[in-house]
Amino acid sequence: MEDVDDLKVARLGSRADRVPGGYRLNARKVFISNGSIARYNVVTAYEDVQRPLETSMSLVVPNDAPGFSVGRVERKMGQRLCPAAEIICEDVFVPEAMTARNDDGARMIDTALSITRGPVGAMSTGIARGCLERTLKYLAQKRVDGRWLFEQQWVQLNLAEMFGAIQAGRGLYMDAAIALESWGFGKIQSSGPTNLGVPRFIRKSSFFERVLDDPRAARQMLEAYRRSVTTVDLQRCVAIASTAKFMCSDMAVRVCMKAMEILGEDANDPQWGVEKCLRDAKLAQIFEGTNQLNRLHVTRGLLSRGS
């Protein structure tokens, strides 16, 4: 669920019922990235589907747990190296140690979105850049009526538009990264127990990783996050990350369409790869919340009190 307001009115079916030693999970999730190959799945479910924000839980489910199965694996047009699948949990027992209560479901959702949407903008910009590079490779070999195709002015104008759009996209996803470090989850990297002035080579050591694996360290990190990141700051991060996501993915589709126009009848030839770039870019407009939903999150951030 990508939107807190929708969660309040959604007809939810993912339940986590309390049983001795843990929870009995019944859930069906669709369009799960890597769901068919992941060793573990983190499933969000609810003890009371009528009060999802107050009873939200995260449960770690191994793919060999009794009652867990993989349903339909989607036949995607793009990004086929990352399979999207349906996962089904039917009376799956999840031990207490593999569950976590989400004390504030709304905050959990916004935290996830503030972290994940900026990278989608970066990925989309990378797709656009790859498409431009493929177009240039094509133009280095293509002649029309004895002249190089890149000598035609309309081609040069389109190349300039493509390059300019990519450069603008870089600025947008970098803004999202800076916002996350300044106002969002990244703040605990410099002020919380994950850093504490410890040199990088020590933080990367196996000893320090074992320290962070201690549940007490996780609780301290979560508490530091709650203290340092306000609701207004978090909504601001979501707005900037959402801007990067929808602007960059829309830009990537436009760049790929221009490439298709330049290549003309050769655009569908897989050897040039621009048709694959277009398929990959189109999917980026849909996941991590559709671009329409991302636009609504931007407006929510702009209109939030204190923004």
C-alpha atoms as a PDB file:
ATOM      1  CA  MET A   1       0.000   0.000   0.000  1.00  0.00           C
ATOM      2  CA  GLU A   2       1.612   3.250  -1.199  1.00  0.00           C
ATOM      3  CA  ASP A   3      -0.712   5.816   0.349  1.00  0.00           C
ATOM      4  CA  VAL A   4      -1.771   6.325   3.956  1.00  0.00           C
ATOM      5  CA  ASP A   5      -5.166   7.799   3.030  1.00  0.00           C
ATOM      6  CA  ASP A   6      -5.954   4.838   0.777  1.00  0.00           C
ATOM      7  CA  LEU A   7      -4.949   2.435   3.538  1.00  0.00           C
ATOM      8  CA  LYS A   8      -7.685   3.854   5.757  1.00  0.00           C
ATOM      9  CA  VAL A   9     -10.420   2.865   3.289  1.00  0.00           C
ATOM     10  CA  ALA A  10      -8.865  -0.166   1.564  1.00  0.00           C
ATOM     11  CA  ARG A  11     -10.491  -3.600   1.689  1.00  0.00           C
ATOM     12  CA  LEU A  12      -7.522  -5.399   3.222  1.00  0.00           C
ATOM     13  CA  GLY A  13      -7.165  -9.152   3.386  1.00  0.00           C
ATOM     14  CA  SER A  14      -3.699  -9.712   4.871  1.00  0.00           C
ATOM     15  CA  ARG A  15      -4.153 -10.924   8.458  1.00  0.00           C
ATOM     16  CA  ALA A  16      -1.699 -11.831  11.211  1.00  0.00           C
ATOM     17  CA  ASP A  17      -3.561 -13.646  13.978  1.00  0.00           C
ATOM     18  CA  ARG A  18      -1.915 -14.126  17.343  1.00  0.00           C
ATOM     19  CA  VAL A  19      -1.186 -17.761  18.259  1.00  0.00           C
ATOM     20  CA  PRO A  20       1.058 -19.334  20.926  1.00  0.00           C
ATOM     21  CA  GLY A  21       4.695 -18.520  20.080  1.00  0.00           C
ATOM     22  CA  GLY A  22       4.006 -16.203  17.176  1.00  0.00           C
ATOM     23  CA  TYR A  23       1.444 -15.408  14.486  1.00  0.00           C
ATOM     24  CA  ARG A  24      -0.597 -17.262  11.871  1.00  0.00           C
ATOM     25  CA  LEU A  25      -0.300 -15.358   8.582  1.00  0.00           C
ATOM     26  CA  ASN A  26      -2.848 -15.383   5.777  1.00  0.00           C
ATOM     27  CA  ALA A  27      -1.991 -13.053   2.921  1.00  0.00           C
ATOM     28  CA  ARG A  28      -1.853 -12.754  -0.840  1.00  0.00           C
ATOM     29  CA  LYS A  29       0.528 -10.193  -2.360  1.00  0.00           C
ATOM     30  CA  VAL A  30       0.889  -9.355  -6.055  1.00  0.00           C
ATOM     31  CA  PHE A  31       3.561  -7.700  -8.227  1.00  0.00           C
ATOM     32  CA  ILE A  32       6.265  -8.547  -5.677  1.00  0.00           C
ATOM     33  CA  SER A  33       9.733  -7.821  -7.076  1.00  0.00           C
ATOM     34  CA  ASN A  34      11.910 -10.972  -6.916  1.00  0.00           C
ATOM     35  CA  GLY A  35       9.057 -12.724  -5.100  1.00  0.00           C
ATOM     36  CA  SER A  36       9.607 -15.958  -7.030  1.00  0.00           C
ATOM     37  CA  ILE A  37      13.339 -16.203  -6.214  1.00  0.00           C
ATOM     38  CA  ALA A  38      13.757 -14.479  -2.825  1.00  0.00           C
ATOM     39  CA  ARG A  39      14.912 -16.652   0.081  1.00  0.00           C
ATOM     40  CA  TYR A  40      12.910 -14.502   2.503  1.00  0.00           C
ATOM     41  CA  ASN A  41       9.930 -12.182   2.068  1.00  0.00           C
ATOM     42  CA  VAL A  42       9.024  -9.360   4.427  1.00  0.00           C
ATOM     43  CA  VAL A  43       5.222  -9.295   4.521  1.00  0.00           C
ATOM     44  CA  THR A  44       3.130  -6.483   5.962  1.00  0.00           C
ATOM     45  CA  ALA A  45      -0.107  -7.690   7.546  1.00  0.00           C
ATOM     46  CA  TYR A  46      -2.614  -6.504  10.136  1.00  0.00           C
ATOM     47  CA  GLU A  47      -3.967  -7.901  13.360  1.00  0.00           C
ATOM     48  CA  ASP A  48      -7.196  -5.996  12.718  1.00  0.00           C
ATOM     49  CA  VAL A  49      -7.929  -5.113   9.086  1.00  0.00           C
ATOM     50  CA  GLN A  50     -10.479  -2.547  10.308  1.00  0.00           C
ATOM     51  CA  ARG A  51      -7.664  -0.638  12.064  1.00  0.00           C
ATOM     52  CA  PRO A  52      -4.676  -1.114   9.734  1.00  0.00           C
ATOM     53  CA  LEU A  53      -2.598   1.874  10.827  1.00  0.00           C
ATOM     54  CA  GLU A  54      -2.807   0.865  14.489  1.00  0.00           C
ATOM     55  CA  THR A  55      -2.249  -2.887  14.017  1.00  0.00           C
ATOM     56  CA  SER A  56       0.291  -3.039  11.176  1.00  0.00           C
ATOM     57  CA  MET A  57       3.014  -5.698  11.465  1.00  0.00           C
ATOM     58  CA  SER A  58       6.044  -6.821   9.472  1.00  0.00           C
ATOM     59  CA  LEU A  59       6.751 -10.555   9.304  1.00  0.00           C
ATOM     60  CA  VAL A  60       9.776 -12.341   7.827  1.00  0.00           C
ATOM     61  CA  VAL A  61       8.633 -15.415   5.884  1.00  0.00           C
ATOM     62  CA  PRO A  62      11.139 -17.970   4.486  1.00  0.00           C
ATOM     63  CA  ASN A  63      10.218 -19.358   1.073  1.00  0.00           C
ATOM     64  CA  ASP A  64      10.248 -22.911   2.475  1.00  0.00           C
ATOM     65  CA  ALA A  65       7.793 -22.186   5.292  1.00  0.00           C
ATOM     66  CA  PRO A  66       4.788 -24.565   5.309  1.00  0.00           C
ATOM     67  CA  GLY A  67       1.881 -22.784   3.662  1.00  0.00           C
ATOM     68  CA  PHE A  68       4.022 -20.401   1.588  1.00  0.00           C
ATOM     69  CA  SER A  69       3.792 -20.636  -2.197  1.00  0.00           C
ATOM     70  CA  VAL A  70       4.437 -18.616  -5.328  1.00  0.00           C
ATOM     71  CA  GLY A  71       1.461 -17.940  -7.573  1.00  0.00           C
ATOM     72  CA  ARG A  72       1.495 -16.189 -10.925  1.00  0.00           C
ATOM     73  CA  VAL A  73       4.838 -14.901 -12.252  1.00  0.00           C
ATOM     74  CA  GLU A  74       4.089 -11.923 -14.486  1.00  0.00           C
ATOM     75  CA  ARG A  75       5.169 -11.813 -18.128  1.00  0.00           C
ATOM     76  CA  LYS A  76       6.595  -8.307 -18.036  1.00  0.00           C
ATOM     77  CA  MET A  77       7.328  -6.101 -21.027  1.00  0.00           C
ATOM     78  CA  GLY A  78      10.368  -4.537 -19.389  1.00  0.00           C
ATOM     79  CA  GLN A  79      12.921  -5.109 -16.621  1.00  0.00           C
ATOM     80  CA  ARG A  80      12.623  -8.852 -17.075  1.00  0.00           C
ATOM     81  CA  LEU A  81      15.718  -9.615 -15.017  1.00  0.00           C
ATOM     82  CA  CYS A  82      13.677  -8.625 -11.942  1.00  0.00           C
ATOM     83  CA  PRO A  83      10.693 -11.006 -11.880  1.00  0.00           C
ATOM     84  CA  ALA A  84       7.383  -9.815 -10.448  1.00  0.00           C
ATOM     85  CA  ALA A  85       5.362 -12.545  -8.784  1.00  0.00           C
ATOM     86  CA  GLU A  86       2.363 -13.270  -6.631  1.00  0.00           C
ATOM     87  CA  ILE A  87       3.161 -14.748  -3.216  1.00  0.00           C
ATOM     88  CA  ILE A  88       0.587 -16.644  -1.170  1.00  0.00           C
ATOM     89  CA  CYS A  89       0.626 -17.338   2.574  1.00  0.00           C
ATOM     90  CA  GLU A  90      -1.967 -19.809   3.825  1.00  0.00           C
ATOM     91  CA  ASP A  91      -1.873 -20.380   7.583  1.00  0.00           C
ATOM     92  CA  VAL A  92       1.880 -19.749   7.672  1.00  0.00           C
ATOM     93  CA  PHE A  93       3.261 -19.812  11.205  1.00  0.00           C
ATOM     94  CA  VAL A  94       5.756 -16.995  11.851  1.00  0.00           C
ATOM     95  CA  PRO A  95       7.671 -17.152  15.164  1.00  0.00           C
ATOM     96  CA  GLU A  96       7.579 -14.136  17.444  1.00  0.00           C
ATOM     97  CA  ALA A  97      11.287 -13.491  16.847  1.00  0.00           C
ATOM     98  CA  MET A  98      10.633 -12.947  13.126  1.00  0.00           C
ATOM     99  CA  THR A  99       7.959 -10.286  13.563  1.00  0.00           C
ATOM    100  CA  ALA A 100       7.945  -6.582  14.364  1.00  0.00           C
ATOM    101  CA  ARG A 101       5.089  -4.304  15.345  1.00  0.00           C
ATOM    102  CA  ASN A 102       4.859  -1.104  13.335  1.00  0.00           C
ATOM    103  CA  ASP A 103       3.923   1.294  16.108  1.00  0.00           C
ATOM    104  CA  ASP A 104       3.064   4.035  13.612  1.00  0.00           C
ATOM    105  CA  GLY A 105       1.928   2.570  10.302  1.00  0.00           C
ATOM    106  CA  ALA A 106       1.657   5.948   8.576  1.00  0.00           C
ATOM    107  CA  ARG A 107       5.197   6.892   9.561  1.00  0.00           C
ATOM    108  CA  MET A 108       6.497   3.523   8.417  1.00  0.00           C
ATOM    109  CA  ILE A 109       4.963   3.988   4.946  1.00  0.00           C
ATOM    110  CA  ASP A 110       6.296   7.530   4.544  1.00  0.00           C
ATOM    111  CA  THR A 111       9.744   6.442   5.730  1.00  0.00           C
ATOM    112  CA  ALA A 112       9.885   3.699   3.110  1.00  0.00           C
ATOM    113  CA  LEU A 113       8.726   6.037   0.343  1.00  0.00           C
ATOM    114  CA  SER A 114      11.250   8.717   1.273  1.00  0.00           C
ATOM    115  CA  ILE A 115      14.040   6.137   0.907  1.00  0.00           C
ATOM    116  CA  THR A 116      12.947   4.221  -2.200  1.00  0.00           C
ATOM    117  CA  ARG A 117      11.544   6.783  -4.614  1.00  0.00           C
ATOM    118  CA  GLY A 118      14.725   8.811  -5.128  1.00  0.00           C
ATOM    119  CA  PRO A 119      16.638   5.756  -6.397  1.00  0.00           C
ATOM    120  CA  VAL A 120      13.848   5.106  -8.929  1.00  0.00           C
ATOM    121  CA  GLY A 121      14.576   8.582 -10.263  1.00  0.00           C
ATOM    122  CA  ALA A 122      18.277   7.697 -10.478  1.00  0.00           C
ATOM    123  CA  MET A 123      17.494   4.416 -12.220  1.00  0.00           C
ATOM    124  CA  SER A 124      15.216   6.176 -14.706  1.00  0.00           C
ATOM    125  CA  THR A 125      17.925   8.715 -15.462  1.00  0.00           C
ATOM    126  CA  GLY A 126      20.342   5.859 -16.050  1.00  0.00           C
ATOM    127  CA  ILE A 127      17.916   4.256 -18.505  1.00  0.00           C
ATOM    128  CA  ALA A 128      17.649   7.567 -20.372  1.00  0.00           C
ATOM    129  CA  ARG A 129      21.429   7.951 -20.464  1.00  0.00           C
ATOM    130  CA  GLY A 130      21.828   4.413 -21.780  1.00  0.00           C
ATOM    131  CA  CYS A 131      19.276   5.136 -24.477  1.00  0.00           C
ATOM    132  CA  LEU A 132      21.166   8.284 -25.520  1.00  0.00           C
ATOM    133  CA  GLU A 133      24.430   6.336 -25.712  1.00  0.00           C
ATOM    134  CA  ARG A 134      22.788   3.676 -27.882  1.00  0.00           C
ATOM    135  CA  THR A 135      21.390   6.387 -30.135  1.00  0.00           C
ATOM    136  CA  LEU A 136      24.834   7.945 -30.562  1.00  0.00           C
ATOM    137  CA  LYS A 137      26.290   4.531 -31.401  1.00  0.00           C
ATOM    138  CA  TYR A 138      23.614   4.117 -34.071  1.00  0.00           C
ATOM    139  CA  LEU A 139      24.257   7.571 -35.509  1.00  0.00           C
ATOM    140  CA  ALA A 140      27.979   6.827 -35.775  1.00  0.00           C
ATOM    141  CA  GLN A 141      27.111   4.178 -38.368  1.00  0.00           C
ATOM    142  CA  LYS A 142      24.011   5.503 -40.102  1.00  0.00           C
ATOM    143  CA  ARG A 143      24.030   7.293 -43.451  1.00  0.00           C
ATOM    144  CA  VAL A 144      20.995   8.488 -45.398  1.00  0.00           C
ATOM    145  CA  ASP A 145      21.402   9.323 -49.089  1.00  0.00           C
ATOM    146  CA  GLY A 146      25.161   9.377 -48.647  1.00  0.00           C
ATOM    147  CA  ARG A 147      25.139  11.776 -45.687  1.00  0.00           C
ATOM    148  CA  TRP A 148      25.533  11.080 -41.981  1.00  0.00           C
ATOM    149  CA  LEU A 149      22.171  11.093 -40.245  1.00  0.00           C
ATOM    150  CA  PHE A 150      23.570  13.149 -37.345  1.00  0.00           C
ATOM    151  CA  GLU A 151      24.225  16.015 -39.770  1.00  0.00           C
ATOM    152  CA  GLN A 152      20.488  16.657 -40.031  1.00  0.00           C
ATOM    153  CA  GLN A 153      19.406  19.531 -37.833  1.00  0.00           C
ATOM    154  CA  TRP A 154      16.261  17.888 -36.465  1.00  0.00           C
ATOM    155  CA  VAL A 155      18.407  15.036 -35.170  1.00  0.00           C
ATOM    156  CA  GLN A 156      20.818  17.456 -33.505  1.00  0.00           C
ATOM    157  CA  LEU A 157      17.950  19.310 -31.837  1.00  0.00           C
ATOM    158  CA  ASN A 158      16.520  16.065 -30.453  1.00  0.00           C
ATOM    159  CA  LEU A 159      19.937  14.994 -29.149  1.00  0.00           C
ATOM    160  CA  ALA A 160      20.287  18.312 -27.322  1.00  0.00           C
ATOM    161  CA  GLU A 161      16.833  17.883 -25.761  1.00  0.00           C
ATOM    162  CA  MET A 162      17.708  14.362 -24.656  1.00  0.00           C
ATOM    163  CA  PHE A 163      21.012  15.418 -23.096  1.00  0.00           C
ATOM    164  CA  GLY A 164      19.490  18.420 -21.333  1.00  0.00           C
ATOM    165  CA  ALA A 165      16.673  16.329 -19.874  1.00  0.00           C
ATOM    166  CA  ILE A 166      19.145  13.771 -18.529  1.00  0.00           C
ATOM    167  CA  GLN A 167      21.234  16.477 -16.872  1.00  0.00           C
ATOM    168  CA  ALA A 168      18.109  17.913 -15.219  1.00  0.00           C
ATOM    169  CA  GLY A 169      17.152  14.441 -13.999  1.00  0.00           C
ATOM    170  CA  ARG A 170      20.514  14.082 -12.287  1.00  0.00           C
ATOM    171  CA  GLY A 171      19.840  17.206 -10.288  1.00  0.00           C
ATOM    172  CA  LEU A 172      16.424  15.936  -9.190  1.00  0.00           C
ATOM    173  CA  TYR A 173      17.551  12.589  -7.806  1.00  0.00           C
ATOM    174  CA  MET A 174      20.557  14.218  -6.146  1.00  0.00           C
ATOM    175  CA  ASP A 175      18.148  16.637  -4.437  1.00  0.00           C
ATOM    176  CA  ALA A 176      16.207  13.630  -3.147  1.00  0.00           C
ATOM    177  CA  ALA A 177      19.413  12.081  -1.773  1.00  0.00           C
ATOM    178  CA  ILE A 178      20.427  15.335  -0.083  1.00  0.00           C
ATOM    179  CA  ALA A 179      16.950  15.732   1.440  1.00  0.00           C
ATOM    180  CA  LEU A 180      17.089  12.202   2.842  1.00  0.00           C
ATOM    181  CA  GLU A 181      20.480  12.882   4.435  1.00  0.00           C
ATOM    182  CA  SER A 182      19.443  16.303   5.757  1.00  0.00           C
ATOM    183  CA  TRP A 183      15.888  15.734   7.008  1.00  0.00           C
ATOM    184  CA  GLY A 184      15.065  12.035   6.726  1.00  0.00           C
ATOM    185  CA  PHE A 185      16.361   8.628   7.722  1.00  0.00           C
ATOM    186  CA  GLY A 186      19.903   9.586   6.766  1.00  0.00           C
ATOM    187  CA  LYS A 187      20.132  11.918   9.767  1.00  0.00           C
ATOM    188  CA  ILE A 188      20.828   8.992  12.079  1.00  0.00           C
ATOM    189  CA  GLN A 189      23.882   8.128   9.970  1.00  0.00           C
ATOM    190  CA  SER A 190      25.625  11.140  11.476  1.00  0.00           C
ATOM    191  CA  SER A 191      23.839  11.590  14.801  1.00  0.00           C
ATOM    192  CA  GLY A 192      22.649   8.132  15.817  1.00  0.00           C
ATOM    193  CA  PRO A 193      24.251   4.939  17.104  1.00  0.00           C
ATOM    194  CA  THR A 194      25.150   3.765  13.577  1.00  0.00           C
ATOM    195  CA  ASN A 195      27.997   6.275  13.460  1.00  0.00           C
ATOM    196  CA  LEU A 196      28.992   7.990  16.719  1.00  0.00           C
ATOM    197  CA  GLY A 197      32.152   9.292  15.045  1.00  0.00           C
ATOM    198  CA  VAL A 198      33.428   5.774  14.351  1.00  0.00           C
ATOM    199  CA  PRO A 199      35.836   5.647  11.358  1.00  0.00           C
ATOM    200  CA  ARG A 200      34.459   4.111   8.193  1.00  0.00           C
ATOM    201  CA  PHE A 201      36.878   1.160   8.147  1.00  0.00           C
ATOM    202  CA  ILE A 202      35.637   0.144  11.605  1.00  0.00           C
ATOM    203  CA  ARG A 203      31.973   0.606  10.674  1.00  0.00           C
ATOM    204  CA  LYS A 204      32.564  -1.752   7.737  1.00  0.00           C
ATOM    205  CA  SER A 205      34.159  -4.430   9.932  1.00  0.00           C
ATOM    206  CA  SER A 206      32.434  -7.706  10.808  1.00  0.00           C
ATOM    207  CA  PHE A 207      32.674  -6.816  14.525  1.00  0.00           C
ATOM    208  CA  PHE A 208      30.727  -3.597  14.081  1.00  0.00           C
ATOM    209  CA  GLU A 209      28.150  -5.426  11.969  1.00  0.00           C
ATOM    210  CA  ARG A 210      27.626  -7.889  14.828  1.00  0.00           C
ATOM    211  CA  VAL A 211      27.137  -4.966  17.195  1.00  0.00           C
ATOM    212  CA  LEU A 212      24.451  -3.537  14.918  1.00  0.00           C
ATOM    213  CA  ASP A 213      22.794  -6.948  14.753  1.00  0.00           C
ATOM    214  CA  ASP A 214      22.107  -6.654  18.481  1.00  0.00           C
ATOM    215  CA  PRO A 215      18.393  -5.861  18.999  1.00  0.00           C
ATOM    216  CA  ARG A 216      19.371  -3.161  21.479  1.00  0.00           C
ATOM    217  CA  ALA A 217      21.264  -1.294  18.759  1.00  0.00           C
ATOM    218  CA  ALA A 218      18.238  -1.545  16.468  1.00  0.00           C
ATOM    219  CA  ARG A 219      16.006  -0.114  19.195  1.00  0.00           C
ATOM    220  CA  GLN A 220      18.431   2.748  19.811  1.00  0.00           C
ATOM    221  CA  MET A 221      18.603   3.528  16.105  1.00  0.00           C
ATOM    222  CA  LEU A 222      14.815   3.564  15.842  1.00  0.00           C
ATOM    223  CA  GLU A 223      14.522   5.817  18.873  1.00  0.00           C
ATOM    224  CA  ALA A 224      17.133   8.199  17.433  1.00  0.00           C
ATOM    225  CA  TYR A 225      15.147   8.331  14.211  1.00  0.00           C
ATOM    226  CA  ARG A 226      11.914   9.152  16.033  1.00  0.00           C
ATOM    227  CA  ARG A 227      13.606  11.953  17.971  1.00  0.00           C
ATOM    228  CA  SER A 228      15.443  13.549  15.067  1.00  0.00           C
ATOM    229  CA  VAL A 229      12.954  13.327  12.172  1.00  0.00           C
ATOM    230  CA  THR A 230       9.698  15.251  12.546  1.00  0.00           C
ATOM    231  CA  THR A 231       6.512  14.498  10.618  1.00  0.00           C
ATOM    232  CA  VAL A 232       6.961  17.699   8.606  1.00  0.00           C
ATOM    233  CA  ASP A 233      10.542  16.748   7.704  1.00  0.00           C
ATOM    234  CA  LEU A 234       9.418  13.296   6.654  1.00  0.00           C
ATOM    235  CA  GLN A 235       6.628  14.630   4.423  1.00  0.00           C
ATOM    236  CA  ARG A 236       9.124  17.039   2.873  1.00  0.00           C
ATOM    237  CA  CYS A 237      11.439  14.124   2.073  1.00  0.00           C
ATOM    238  CA  VAL A 238       8.579  12.160   0.523  1.00  0.00           C
ATOM    239  CA  ALA A 239       7.606  15.161  -1.613  1.00  0.00           C
ATOM    240  CA  ILE A 240      11.125  15.669  -2.959  1.00  0.00           C
ATOM    241  CA  ALA A 241      11.671  11.937  -3.523  1.00  0.00           C
ATOM    242  CA  SER A 242       8.308  11.671  -5.285  1.00  0.00           C
ATOM    243  CA  THR A 243       9.222  14.624  -7.500  1.00  0.00           C
ATOM    244  CA  ALA A 244      12.431  12.886  -8.562  1.00  0.00           C
ATOM    245  CA  LYS A 245      10.532   9.667  -9.209  1.00  0.00           C
ATOM    246  CA  PHE A 246       7.794  10.986 -11.457  1.00  0.00           C
ATOM    247  CA  MET A 247       9.851  13.656 -13.230  1.00  0.00           C
ATOM    248  CA  CYS A 248      12.771  11.328 -14.010  1.00  0.00           C
ATOM    249  CA  SER A 249      10.642   8.388 -15.122  1.00  0.00           C
ATOM    250  CA  ASP A 250       8.503  10.627 -17.337  1.00  0.00           C
ATOM    251  CA  MET A 251      11.701  12.133 -18.709  1.00  0.00           C
ATOM    252  CA  ALA A 252      13.137   8.687 -19.456  1.00  0.00           C
ATOM    253  CA  VAL A 253      10.059   7.748 -21.488  1.00  0.00           C
ATOM    254  CA  ARG A 254      10.302  10.994 -23.484  1.00  0.00           C
ATOM    255  CA  VAL A 255      14.004  10.469 -24.161  1.00  0.00           C
ATOM    256  CA  CYS A 256      13.366   6.917 -25.333  1.00  0.00           C
ATOM    257  CA  MET A 257      10.555   8.093 -27.607  1.00  0.00           C
ATOM    258  CA  LYS A 258      12.898  10.636 -29.195  1.00  0.00           C
ATOM    259  CA  ALA A 259      15.447   7.880 -29.731  1.00  0.00           C
ATOM    260  CA  MET A 260      12.789   5.735 -31.390  1.00  0.00           C
ATOM    261  CA  GLU A 261      11.954   8.649 -33.680  1.00  0.00           C
ATOM    262  CA  ILE A 262      15.611   9.138 -34.669  1.00  0.00           C
ATOM    263  CA  LEU A 263      16.144   5.455 -35.424  1.00  0.00           C
ATOM    264  CA  GLY A 264      12.915   5.272 -37.416  1.00  0.00           C
ATOM    265  CA  GLU A 265      12.345   1.854 -38.938  1.00  0.00           C
ATOM    266  CA  ASP A 266      15.439   0.529 -37.153  1.00  0.00           C
ATOM    267  CA  ALA A 267      14.025   1.415 -33.723  1.00  0.00           C
ATOM    268  CA  ASN A 268      12.502  -2.026 -33.177  1.00  0.00           C
ATOM    269  CA  ASP A 269      15.741  -3.837 -34.010  1.00  0.00           C
ATOM    270  CA  PRO A 270      16.963  -5.391 -30.719  1.00  0.00           C
ATOM    271  CA  GLN A 271      20.617  -4.896 -31.689  1.00  0.00           C
ATOM    272  CA  TRP A 272      20.324  -1.172 -30.894  1.00  0.00           C
ATOM    273  CA  GLY A 273      18.532  -1.649 -27.587  1.00  0.00           C
ATOM    274  CA  VAL A 274      16.426   1.519 -27.631  1.00  0.00           C
ATOM    275  CA  GLU A 275      13.147  -0.421 -27.654  1.00  0.00           C
ATOM    276  CA  LYS A 276      14.292  -2.229 -24.506  1.00  0.00           C
ATOM    277  CA  CYS A 277      15.111   1.108 -22.881  1.00  0.00           C
ATOM    278  CA  LEU A 278      11.576   2.291 -23.632  1.00  0.00           C
ATOM    279  CA  ARG A 279      10.038  -0.835 -22.105  1.00  0.00           C
ATOM    280  CA  ASP A 280      12.192  -0.494 -18.999  1.00  0.00           C
ATOM    281  CA  ALA A 281      11.421   3.220 -18.631  1.00  0.00           C
ATOM    282  CA  LYS A 282       7.686   2.666 -18.934  1.00  0.00           C
ATOM    283  CA  LEU A 283       7.696   0.325 -15.959  1.00  0.00           C
ATOM    284  CA  ALA A 284       9.474   2.977 -13.884  1.00  0.00           C
ATOM    285  CA  GLN A 285       6.372   5.164 -14.271  1.00  0.00           C
ATOM    286  CA  ILE A 286       4.286   2.505 -12.541  1.00  0.00           C
ATOM    287  CA  PHE A 287       6.146   0.938  -9.616  1.00  0.00           C
ATOM    288  CA  GLU A 288       6.859   2.642  -6.273  1.00  0.00           C
ATOM    289  CA  GLY A 289       3.429   4.189  -6.717  1.00  0.00           C
ATOM    290  CA  THR A 290       2.102   5.340 -10.074  1.00  0.00           C
ATOM    291  CA  ASN A 291       3.297   8.751 -11.184  1.00  0.00           C
ATOM    292  CA  GLN A 292      -0.190  10.137 -10.575  1.00  0.00           C
ATOM    293  CA  LEU A 293      -0.008   9.017  -6.952  1.00  0.00           C
ATOM    294  CA  ASN A 294       3.490  10.475  -6.645  1.00  0.00           C
ATOM    295  CA  ARG A 295       2.153  13.829  -7.802  1.00  0.00           C
ATOM    296  CA  LEU A 296      -0.484  13.724  -5.062  1.00  0.00           C
ATOM    297  CA  HIS A 297       2.244  13.053  -2.493  1.00  0.00           C
ATOM    298  CA  VAL A 298       4.134  16.105  -3.728  1.00  0.00           C
ATOM    299  CA  THR A 299       1.050  18.249  -3.232  1.00  0.00           C
ATOM    300  CA  ARG A 300       0.498  16.779   0.232  1.00  0.00           C
ATOM    301  CA  GLY A 301       4.045  17.709   1.174  1.00  0.00           C
ATOM    302  CA  LEU A 302       3.626  21.243  -0.160  1.00  0.00           C
ATOM    303  CA  LEU A 303       0.386  21.787   1.770  1.00  0.00           C
ATOM    304  CA  SER A 304       1.431  20.126   5.028  1.00  0.00           C
ATOM    305  CA  ARG A 305       1.520  22.348   8.092  1.00  0.00           C
ATOM    306  CA  GLY A 306       4.958  23.843   8.625  1.00  0.00           C
ATOM    307  CA  SER A 307       6.273  22.930   5.171  1.00  0.00           C
END
